């Protein structure tokens, strides 16, 4: 029993440290480094100032641990993304961009923190070492890939790899700055298309139309005004019920519009869930996302369960699902939730690709169990 108790305590302590690091990220993005205090961090974490001192002996220790955490997160993300890319240098250079634009890595809070630490790095050797190591690592990979692409195209005497790597890196840095100012509304799909277009213009032998596989001229987005996301209310129950019935059929339930209307109507009227609708500029409803509120006992913080996400068949691959997911994330951050949980079918590969592209991580530490309490 003692061993189990000790292990459980270690899990709790590790979660508290993670919670404090996340609160530090939020505090830095809100107040900056100069106005940061342990009291502000503790308040955001929902803990006492004494709890902060228990886990970190000083504010500087906590700051350094936060920067180290972000650097390690970026490095792991970069390593995994490059490993999953194709063997061709062109594929890996695109993967480098995807890793650098991963929503989990470049969410507005974290982007603000990176800029804050970089601004202070000229006077702090430890900050400079960590920030500099990341920049050097990314540029080294960038330079090597540009050199390989140039060599493969037989352009060694015509193009300078370092100059090309500098321009590619500059484009990524510029996008990070745009994310900092645009926040949650930043259109990463549009940024990726711009990056691909640039690569195709300077390395035409390496990037063909197959890389630009999606027809972005048909994409819908809140930024362009072609897509609108809003919270559903009682007036939407009839329209939403039709989509909800289709959603249940997707998971092999029999069509039952009456049941769908009763269930979704009860959720909205009783505010058991929060539902967002995606509509085009003509008012047609294209999809919805439904979230249920909950609590994480370990983090002692609220969480949201993203239970339903559905996009009409005619509107798929147009950016609707991503826009709904971004709205769900915005809700979670606004309510200071510690995370969003979701599940999907093992063979729903399109959904899995979207979730992972948006920074969601597959749970590899815990098993999911269910007790079926259906009709006996």
Foldseek 3Di string as FASTA:
>chain_A
DVVVVVVVVVVLLVLLLVLLLVLVLVQCLVPNPVPDDLCSSCVLLVHHSVSVCVNAVDPVRSLLVSLVVLLVVLVVLLVVQLVPFDPALLRSLLSLLLSLVQQVNLALSNLSSLVRLVVCCVPPVSSCVSNVVSVVVSLVSLLVSLVRLCVVVVNVVPDDSNVVSVVLVVLSVVVSVVCNVVGLQDDVVVSSVVSLVVCCVVRVVSRDCVVVVADLVQAAGVVVQFKDKDWDALVCLLVVLVQQQVQVVVVVDDRDSPVSSVVVNCCRVVVQWIKMFMAGNVGDTFWMWIKGKDADPSSRFIEIEGEDTTGPPVCPPRCRRVNRVSVVVVVCVVRSGPYYHYDDDPPPVVVVVSCVSNPDDDDPPDDDDDDDPDDD
